[in-house]
Amino acid sequence: MSEEHHADTGARLRRMADQIANNLRARGHEEAVEETAEHIWKFWDPRMKAKIFADDLSQLTPIAREAIERIRRNAQDKDQALEEFNSVGETGHCDAG
């Protein structure tokens, strides 16, 4: 894909995230951040999430930016937990006995 296509995709995803955030803004900042993050986590394809994580978040509205940062932080925490849980050569991580 061309660099122009990637830029268009980033702009489209930023616009989508901002639209979700703006639709939830009336619920108050913290609830809007939480619900925006939940919506993106549940309904966006993993490739879409990866693209927005790598994008320039400074171009997002504050609610959308905080939601994306929260998703990224939670995903990193889960990856860290899985990595620690699944360390090679360690025993005691199987619930099968």
N, C-alpha and C. Protein backbone atom coordinates (compact mmCIF):
# COMPACT_ATOMS: atom_id res chain seq x y z
N MET A 1 0.83 -1.18 0.00
CA MET A 1 0.00 0.00 0.00
C MET A 1 0.87 1.24 0.00
N SER A 2 0.35 2.26 -0.57
CA SER A 2 1.10 3.49 -0.67
C SER A 2 1.08 4.24 0.65
N GLU A 3 2.04 5.15 0.79
CA GLU A 3 2.10 5.99 1.99
C GLU A 3 0.85 6.86 2.09
N GLU A 4 0.34 7.29 0.94
CA GLU A 4 -0.87 8.11 0.91
C GLU A 4 -2.07 7.33 1.47
N HIS A 5 -2.16 6.05 1.11
CA HIS A 5 -3.25 5.22 1.61
C HIS A 5 -3.16 5.09 3.13
N HIS A 6 -1.95 4.88 3.66
CA HIS A 6 -1.77 4.78 5.11
C HIS A 6 -2.19 6.08 5.80
N ALA A 7 -1.85 7.21 5.21
CA ALA A 7 -2.23 8.51 5.78
C ALA A 7 -3.74 8.66 5.77
N ASP A 8 -4.39 8.24 4.67
CA ASP A 8 -5.85 8.30 4.58
C ASP A 8 -6.49 7.42 5.65
N THR A 9 -5.94 6.23 5.86
CA THR A 9 -6.46 5.31 6.86
C THR A 9 -6.33 5.91 8.25
N GLY A 10 -5.19 6.50 8.55
CA GLY A 10 -4.99 7.14 9.85
C GLY A 10 -5.98 8.26 10.08
N ALA A 11 -6.20 9.08 9.07
CA ALA A 11 -7.15 10.18 9.19
C ALA A 11 -8.57 9.66 9.37
N ARG A 12 -8.91 8.60 8.66
CA ARG A 12 -10.24 8.01 8.77
C ARG A 12 -10.46 7.43 10.18
N LEU A 13 -9.44 6.75 10.72
CA LEU A 13 -9.57 6.18 12.06
C LEU A 13 -9.64 7.27 13.13
N ARG A 14 -8.87 8.33 12.96
CA ARG A 14 -8.95 9.46 13.90
C ARG A 14 -10.35 10.07 13.87
N ARG A 15 -10.89 10.24 12.67
CA ARG A 15 -12.23 10.80 12.54
C ARG A 15 -13.26 9.89 13.21
N MET A 16 -13.13 8.59 13.03
CA MET A 16 -14.06 7.64 13.65
C MET A 16 -13.96 7.71 15.18
N ALA A 17 -12.75 7.71 15.70
CA ALA A 17 -12.56 7.78 17.15
C ALA A 17 -13.14 9.07 17.71
N ASP A 18 -12.89 10.17 17.02
CA ASP A 18 -13.43 11.46 17.46
C ASP A 18 -14.96 11.47 17.41
N GLN A 19 -15.55 10.84 16.41
CA GLN A 19 -17.02 10.79 16.32
C GLN A 19 -17.61 10.01 17.49
N ILE A 20 -16.99 8.90 17.82
CA ILE A 20 -17.46 8.10 18.96
C ILE A 20 -17.37 8.94 20.22
N ALA A 21 -16.21 9.57 20.43
CA ALA A 21 -15.99 10.39 21.62
C ALA A 21 -16.99 11.55 21.69
N ASN A 22 -17.21 12.21 20.58
CA ASN A 22 -18.14 13.34 20.56
C ASN A 22 -19.58 12.90 20.85
N ASN A 23 -19.95 11.72 20.39
CA ASN A 23 -21.29 11.21 20.67
C ASN A 23 -21.50 10.90 22.15
N LEU A 24 -20.42 10.61 22.85
CA LEU A 24 -20.50 10.24 24.27
C LEU A 24 -20.14 11.39 25.21
N ARG A 25 -19.71 12.50 24.68
CA ARG A 25 -19.23 13.64 25.47
C ARG A 25 -20.24 14.12 26.50
N ALA A 26 -21.52 14.08 26.21
CA ALA A 26 -22.55 14.58 27.12
C ALA A 26 -22.62 13.78 28.42
N ARG A 27 -22.05 12.61 28.45
CA ARG A 27 -22.07 11.77 29.65
C ARG A 27 -21.02 12.19 30.68
N GLY A 28 -20.23 13.17 30.35
CA GLY A 28 -19.15 13.60 31.23
C GLY A 28 -17.83 13.02 30.75
N HIS A 29 -16.76 13.71 31.06
CA HIS A 29 -15.46 13.36 30.51
C HIS A 29 -15.03 11.92 30.82
N GLU A 30 -15.02 11.55 32.09
CA GLU A 30 -14.49 10.23 32.46
C GLU A 30 -15.34 9.10 31.89
N GLU A 31 -16.66 9.23 31.97
CA GLU A 31 -17.53 8.19 31.42
C GLU A 31 -17.39 8.12 29.90
N ALA A 32 -17.25 9.27 29.26
CA ALA A 32 -17.06 9.29 27.80
C ALA A 32 -15.76 8.61 27.41
N VAL A 33 -14.69 8.85 28.16
CA VAL A 33 -13.41 8.18 27.89
C VAL A 33 -13.57 6.67 28.03
N GLU A 34 -14.18 6.24 29.13
CA GLU A 34 -14.36 4.81 29.39
C GLU A 34 -15.21 4.15 28.31
N GLU A 35 -16.31 4.78 27.94
CA GLU A 35 -17.20 4.18 26.94
C GLU A 35 -16.62 4.23 25.53
N THR A 36 -15.87 5.27 25.23
CA THR A 36 -15.18 5.34 23.93
C THR A 36 -14.16 4.22 23.84
N ALA A 37 -13.39 4.03 24.90
CA ALA A 37 -12.39 2.96 24.93
C ALA A 37 -13.06 1.59 24.79
N GLU A 38 -14.16 1.40 25.51
CA GLU A 38 -14.88 0.13 25.45
C GLU A 38 -15.41 -0.14 24.04
N HIS A 39 -15.98 0.89 23.42
CA HIS A 39 -16.51 0.72 22.06
C HIS A 39 -15.40 0.33 21.08
N ILE A 40 -14.30 1.06 21.14
CA ILE A 40 -13.19 0.78 20.21
C ILE A 40 -12.62 -0.61 20.48
N TRP A 41 -12.47 -0.97 21.75
CA TRP A 41 -11.92 -2.29 22.09
C TRP A 41 -12.82 -3.41 21.58
N LYS A 42 -14.12 -3.25 21.73
CA LYS A 42 -15.06 -4.31 21.34
C LYS A 42 -15.28 -4.41 19.83
N PHE A 43 -15.34 -3.26 19.15
CA PHE A 43 -15.84 -3.27 17.78
C PHE A 43 -14.81 -3.01 16.69
N TRP A 44 -13.63 -2.52 17.06
CA TRP A 44 -12.62 -2.28 16.03
C TRP A 44 -11.80 -3.53 15.81
N ASP A 45 -11.51 -3.79 14.56
CA ASP A 45 -10.62 -4.87 14.16
C ASP A 45 -9.24 -4.65 14.77
N PRO A 46 -8.52 -5.72 15.14
CA PRO A 46 -7.17 -5.54 15.70
C PRO A 46 -6.24 -4.71 14.82
N ARG A 47 -6.40 -4.81 13.50
CA ARG A 47 -5.56 -4.00 12.61
C ARG A 47 -5.87 -2.52 12.74
N MET A 48 -7.15 -2.20 12.94
CA MET A 48 -7.54 -0.80 13.13
C MET A 48 -6.95 -0.26 14.43
N LYS A 49 -7.02 -1.07 15.49
CA LYS A 49 -6.45 -0.65 16.77
C LYS A 49 -4.94 -0.45 16.65
N ALA A 50 -4.27 -1.38 15.99
CA ALA A 50 -2.82 -1.25 15.82
C ALA A 50 -2.47 0.02 15.06
N LYS A 51 -3.25 0.34 14.04
CA LYS A 51 -3.00 1.54 13.24
C LYS A 51 -3.19 2.80 14.07
N ILE A 52 -4.26 2.87 14.86
CA ILE A 52 -4.49 4.09 15.65
C ILE A 52 -3.46 4.19 16.77
N PHE A 53 -3.01 3.06 17.33
CA PHE A 53 -1.96 3.09 18.36
C PHE A 53 -0.69 3.73 17.80
N ALA A 54 -0.39 3.46 16.53
CA ALA A 54 0.84 3.95 15.90
C ALA A 54 0.68 5.36 15.34
N ASP A 55 -0.51 5.89 15.39
CA ASP A 55 -0.81 7.19 14.78
C ASP A 55 -0.45 8.33 15.73
N ASP A 56 -0.57 9.55 15.21
CA ASP A 56 -0.31 10.76 15.99
C ASP A 56 -1.55 11.08 16.82
N LEU A 57 -1.53 10.70 18.09
CA LEU A 57 -2.69 10.87 18.94
C LEU A 57 -2.94 12.33 19.30
N SER A 58 -1.97 13.20 19.08
CA SER A 58 -2.15 14.61 19.40
C SER A 58 -3.22 15.26 18.52
N GLN A 59 -3.56 14.60 17.42
CA GLN A 59 -4.58 15.14 16.52
C GLN A 59 -5.99 14.76 16.93
N LEU A 60 -6.13 13.93 17.98
CA LEU A 60 -7.44 13.50 18.45
C LEU A 60 -8.00 14.48 19.48
N THR A 61 -9.32 14.44 19.66
CA THR A 61 -9.93 15.18 20.76
C THR A 61 -9.44 14.58 22.07
N PRO A 62 -9.50 15.34 23.16
CA PRO A 62 -8.99 14.81 24.44
C PRO A 62 -9.66 13.50 24.86
N ILE A 63 -10.96 13.38 24.67
CA ILE A 63 -11.65 12.14 25.06
C ILE A 63 -11.15 10.96 24.24
N ALA A 64 -11.08 11.12 22.93
CA ALA A 64 -10.61 10.04 22.06
C ALA A 64 -9.16 9.68 22.37
N ARG A 65 -8.32 10.69 22.57
CA ARG A 65 -6.91 10.45 22.87
C ARG A 65 -6.75 9.64 24.16
N GLU A 66 -7.47 10.05 25.21
CA GLU A 66 -7.37 9.33 26.47
C GLU A 66 -7.91 7.90 26.35
N ALA A 67 -8.96 7.72 25.56
CA ALA A 67 -9.51 6.39 25.34
C ALA A 67 -8.49 5.49 24.65
N ILE A 68 -7.86 5.98 23.61
CA ILE A 68 -6.85 5.20 22.89
C ILE A 68 -5.67 4.89 23.80
N GLU A 69 -5.23 5.87 24.57
CA GLU A 69 -4.12 5.64 25.50
C GLU A 69 -4.49 4.59 26.54
N ARG A 70 -5.72 4.61 27.01
CA ARG A 70 -6.19 3.63 28.00
C ARG A 70 -6.19 2.23 27.39
N ILE A 71 -6.70 2.11 26.17
CA ILE A 71 -6.72 0.80 25.50
C ILE A 71 -5.30 0.28 25.32
N ARG A 72 -4.42 1.14 24.85
CA ARG A 72 -3.03 0.73 24.61
C ARG A 72 -2.37 0.29 25.92
N ARG A 73 -2.57 1.05 26.98
CA ARG A 73 -1.99 0.72 28.29
C ARG A 73 -2.54 -0.61 28.79
N ASN A 74 -3.86 -0.81 28.68
CA ASN A 74 -4.46 -2.07 29.13
C ASN A 74 -3.98 -3.25 28.30
N ALA A 75 -3.83 -3.06 27.00
CA ALA A 75 -3.33 -4.13 26.12
C ALA A 75 -1.89 -4.49 26.49
N GLN A 76 -1.07 -3.48 26.78
CA GLN A 76 0.31 -3.74 27.18
C GLN A 76 0.36 -4.47 28.51
N ASP A 77 -0.51 -4.09 29.45
CA ASP A 77 -0.57 -4.78 30.74
C ASP A 77 -0.96 -6.24 30.56
N LYS A 78 -1.93 -6.51 29.68
CA LYS A 78 -2.35 -7.89 29.42
C LYS A 78 -1.24 -8.68 28.75
N ASP A 79 -0.55 -8.06 27.79
CA ASP A 79 0.58 -8.73 27.14
C ASP A 79 1.66 -9.07 28.15
N GLN A 80 1.94 -8.14 29.05
CA GLN A 80 2.95 -8.35 30.10
C GLN A 80 2.54 -9.52 30.99
N ALA A 81 1.28 -9.54 31.38
CA ALA A 81 0.79 -10.61 32.24
C ALA A 81 0.88 -11.97 31.54
N LEU A 82 0.51 -12.02 30.27
CA LEU A 82 0.60 -13.27 29.51
C LEU A 82 2.05 -13.71 29.36
N GLU A 83 2.93 -12.76 29.11
CA GLU A 83 4.35 -13.08 28.96
C GLU A 83 4.89 -13.68 30.25
N GLU A 84 4.54 -13.08 31.37
CA GLU A 84 5.01 -13.59 32.66
C GLU A 84 4.39 -14.95 32.94
N PHE A 85 3.12 -15.12 32.62
CA PHE A 85 2.42 -16.37 32.87
C PHE A 85 2.98 -17.51 32.02
N ASN A 86 3.31 -17.19 30.79
CA ASN A 86 3.73 -18.21 29.84
C ASN A 86 5.23 -18.31 29.66
N SER A 87 6.01 -17.89 30.65
CA SER A 87 7.46 -17.95 30.54
C SER A 87 7.91 -19.37 30.29
N VAL A 88 8.83 -19.52 29.36
CA VAL A 88 9.35 -20.83 28.98
C VAL A 88 10.18 -21.40 30.13
N GLY A 89 10.03 -22.69 30.35
CA GLY A 89 10.86 -23.39 31.32
C GLY A 89 10.34 -23.30 32.75
N GLU A 90 9.26 -22.62 32.94
CA GLU A 90 8.71 -22.54 34.30
C GLU A 90 7.59 -23.55 34.45
N THR A 91 7.38 -24.01 35.66
CA THR A 91 6.31 -24.96 35.93
C THR A 91 5.23 -24.29 36.77
N GLY A 92 4.10 -24.97 36.85
CA GLY A 92 3.03 -24.49 37.71
C GLY A 92 2.07 -23.54 37.04
N HIS A 93 2.14 -23.41 35.72
CA HIS A 93 1.23 -22.48 35.02
C HIS A 93 0.09 -23.19 34.32
N CYS A 94 -0.05 -24.45 34.52
CA CYS A 94 -1.10 -25.20 33.84
C CYS A 94 -2.15 -25.60 34.85
N ASP A 95 -3.40 -25.34 34.53
CA ASP A 95 -4.46 -25.73 35.45
C ASP A 95 -4.93 -27.17 35.20
N ALA A 96 -4.25 -27.86 34.28
CA ALA A 96 -4.62 -29.24 33.97
C ALA A 96 -4.00 -30.23 34.97
N GLY A 97 -3.23 -29.72 35.87
CA GLY A 97 -2.69 -30.60 36.90
C GLY A 97 -1.26 -30.77 36.73
